[in-house]
Amino acid sequence: MRKSILLSLLIVCLTAGIAGAAIRKGPYLLYPGNNDEMMVLWQLSGTETCTLEWGETTSYGSSVPVSVFGDSQYEHVITGLTPGVKYYYRVNTSGSGNHTGSFTAAPADVDVGNVKFLAYGDTRTNPSQHLSLIHISEPTRPLYISYA
């Protein structure tokens, strides 16, 4: 029994080494302040060959190699986006696979210096409090509401 556990652990460790660097952070998005741009960032546990694909469908259409900087970190600013349009992206790494996501480019009519975000937690026991928070937030017209 003990030998089979040790053998299993050895196989897992060897497989992890072959699989390549793992994602440590991300991929995550940062809004650089322009309605036609989005920054995609991620960090790996080591250095790998990475590419970023994006487009208006999951067929993507645009692709670029992304070089490492700093502590196995990667970043690329996607430019030329159409404001208000949903985009899909995929980070391809040589060892840890593909990581996908989507975002909507900022609308053209949004004053990027005056964007409001609202984040709040669920009271779980009082739905009327939840509704009152929704009604209170309506006049502020937040661009994004995060509910957890």
Protein backbone atom coordinates (compact mmCIF):
# COMPACT_ATOMS: atom_id res chain seq x y z
CA MET A 1 0.00 0.00 0.00
CA ARG A 2 2.73 2.44 1.00
CA LYS A 3 4.70 1.68 -2.19
CA SER A 4 1.65 2.34 -4.37
CA ILE A 5 1.04 5.71 -2.65
CA LEU A 6 4.68 6.72 -3.15
CA LEU A 7 4.56 5.59 -6.77
CA SER A 8 1.36 7.59 -7.34
CA LEU A 9 2.93 10.70 -5.82
CA LEU A 10 6.02 10.28 -7.99
CA ILE A 11 3.87 9.98 -11.14
CA VAL A 12 1.89 13.09 -10.18
CA CYS A 13 5.08 15.07 -9.54
CA LEU A 14 6.65 13.97 -12.83
CA THR A 15 3.45 14.74 -14.75
CA ALA A 16 3.27 18.20 -13.18
CA GLY A 17 6.85 18.85 -14.25
CA ILE A 18 6.11 17.78 -17.82
CA ALA A 19 2.89 19.82 -17.95
CA GLY A 20 4.79 23.10 -17.66
CA ALA A 21 4.24 26.23 -15.68
CA ALA A 22 0.87 26.71 -14.04
CA ILE A 23 -1.20 29.87 -14.00
CA ARG A 24 -0.43 31.77 -10.77
CA LYS A 25 -2.65 34.80 -11.44
CA GLY A 26 -5.29 35.54 -14.01
CA PRO A 27 -5.85 35.92 -16.78
CA TYR A 28 -7.43 39.18 -15.65
CA LEU A 29 -8.44 42.40 -17.33
CA LEU A 30 -7.54 46.04 -16.72
CA TYR A 31 -9.31 48.93 -18.41
CA PRO A 32 -6.58 51.31 -19.66
CA GLY A 33 -8.94 54.30 -19.95
CA ASN A 34 -9.75 54.19 -23.67
CA ASN A 35 -13.08 52.85 -24.93
CA ASP A 36 -11.34 50.92 -27.70
CA GLU A 37 -8.73 49.13 -25.55
CA MET A 38 -8.47 46.36 -22.94
CA MET A 39 -5.35 45.04 -21.18
CA VAL A 40 -5.06 41.29 -20.55
CA LEU A 41 -2.55 40.15 -17.91
CA TRP A 42 -1.54 36.84 -16.37
CA GLN A 43 1.31 35.32 -14.40
CA LEU A 44 2.74 31.82 -14.64
CA SER A 45 4.84 29.81 -12.23
CA GLY A 46 7.60 29.76 -14.87
CA THR A 47 8.43 31.07 -18.34
CA GLU A 48 6.56 29.70 -21.37
CA THR A 49 5.68 30.60 -24.92
CA CYS A 50 2.29 32.34 -24.81
CA THR A 51 -0.13 33.75 -27.35
CA LEU A 52 -3.28 35.81 -26.89
CA GLU A 53 -6.24 35.41 -29.23
CA TRP A 54 -9.35 37.62 -29.32
CA GLY A 55 -12.38 38.38 -31.43
CA GLU A 56 -16.12 38.92 -31.47
CA THR A 57 -16.76 35.14 -31.49
CA THR A 58 -15.04 32.13 -29.96
CA SER A 59 -13.39 31.63 -33.37
CA TYR A 60 -11.31 34.67 -32.28
CA GLY A 61 -9.60 35.96 -35.45
CA SER A 62 -6.76 38.04 -33.99
CA SER A 63 -3.65 36.59 -32.38
CA VAL A 64 -0.36 37.89 -31.02
CA PRO A 65 2.64 36.30 -29.28
CA VAL A 66 3.14 37.72 -25.78
CA SER A 67 6.59 37.98 -24.20
CA VAL A 68 7.38 37.53 -20.52
CA PHE A 69 8.42 40.45 -18.32
CA GLY A 70 9.29 40.60 -14.63
CA ASP A 71 8.35 37.61 -12.49
CA SER A 72 6.90 35.35 -15.23
CA GLN A 73 4.26 37.98 -15.98
CA TYR A 74 2.61 38.59 -19.33
CA GLU A 75 0.54 41.51 -20.60
CA HIS A 76 -0.92 42.76 -23.84
CA VAL A 77 -3.13 45.74 -24.63
CA ILE A 78 -5.75 44.87 -27.21
CA THR A 79 -6.44 47.95 -29.35
CA GLY A 80 -8.93 48.79 -32.07
CA LEU A 81 -11.97 47.45 -30.20
CA THR A 82 -15.45 48.64 -31.07
CA PRO A 83 -17.01 50.34 -28.02
CA GLY A 84 -19.92 48.42 -26.49
CA VAL A 85 -19.12 45.15 -28.31
CA LYS A 86 -18.56 41.84 -26.51
CA TYR A 87 -15.19 40.17 -27.15
CA TYR A 88 -13.86 36.71 -26.34
CA TYR A 89 -10.23 36.03 -25.56
CA ARG A 90 -8.02 32.99 -25.06
CA VAL A 91 -4.57 32.83 -23.47
CA ASN A 92 -2.61 29.90 -24.90
CA THR A 93 0.42 28.66 -22.99
CA SER A 94 2.83 26.00 -24.20
CA GLY A 95 2.51 23.93 -21.03
CA SER A 96 -0.53 24.85 -18.94
CA GLY A 97 -3.16 24.89 -21.69
CA ASN A 98 -5.76 27.43 -22.72
CA HIS A 99 -7.55 29.93 -20.49
CA THR A 100 -10.62 31.70 -21.87
CA GLY A 101 -12.80 34.65 -20.94
CA SER A 102 -14.86 37.49 -22.33
CA PHE A 103 -15.44 41.20 -21.81
CA THR A 104 -17.47 44.02 -23.29
CA ALA A 105 -15.56 47.06 -24.51
CA ALA A 106 -16.61 50.27 -22.73
CA PRO A 107 -19.57 51.99 -24.41
CA ALA A 108 -18.79 55.01 -26.59
CA ASP A 109 -21.14 57.27 -24.63
CA VAL A 110 -19.51 56.63 -21.23
CA ASP A 111 -17.42 59.37 -19.67
CA VAL A 112 -14.45 57.21 -18.68
CA GLY A 113 -13.56 59.66 -15.91
CA ASN A 114 -16.96 59.20 -14.27
CA VAL A 115 -17.62 55.44 -14.21
CA LYS A 116 -19.44 54.03 -11.17
CA PHE A 117 -19.18 50.49 -9.85
CA LEU A 118 -21.35 48.98 -7.14
CA ALA A 119 -20.39 45.89 -5.14
CA TYR A 120 -22.35 44.41 -2.25
CA GLY A 121 -22.99 41.09 -0.51
CA ASP A 122 -26.13 39.04 -0.10
CA THR A 123 -27.98 39.38 3.22
CA ARG A 124 -29.24 35.79 2.65
CA THR A 125 -32.07 36.16 5.12
CA ASN A 126 -33.83 39.36 4.16
CA PRO A 127 -34.86 39.75 0.51
CA SER A 128 -36.48 43.12 1.25
CA GLN A 129 -33.04 44.54 2.18
CA HIS A 130 -31.69 43.26 -1.13
CA LEU A 131 -34.49 45.02 -3.03
CA SER A 132 -33.95 48.25 -1.12
CA LEU A 133 -30.24 48.23 -2.12
CA ILE A 134 -31.24 47.77 -5.75
CA HIS A 135 -33.67 50.70 -5.55
CA ILE A 136 -31.09 52.91 -3.81
CA SER A 137 -28.50 52.18 -6.54
CA GLU A 138 -30.82 52.91 -9.48
CA PRO A 139 -30.37 56.73 -9.46
CA THR A 140 -26.56 56.38 -9.60
CA ARG A 141 -26.84 54.28 -12.77
CA PRO A 142 -23.68 52.20 -12.20
CA LEU A 143 -22.05 50.74 -15.30
CA TYR A 144 -21.31 47.51 -13.44
CA ILE A 145 -22.89 45.82 -10.42
CA SER A 146 -21.10 42.96 -8.63
CA TYR A 147 -23.33 40.78 -6.48
CA ALA A 148 -21.86 38.07 -4.27
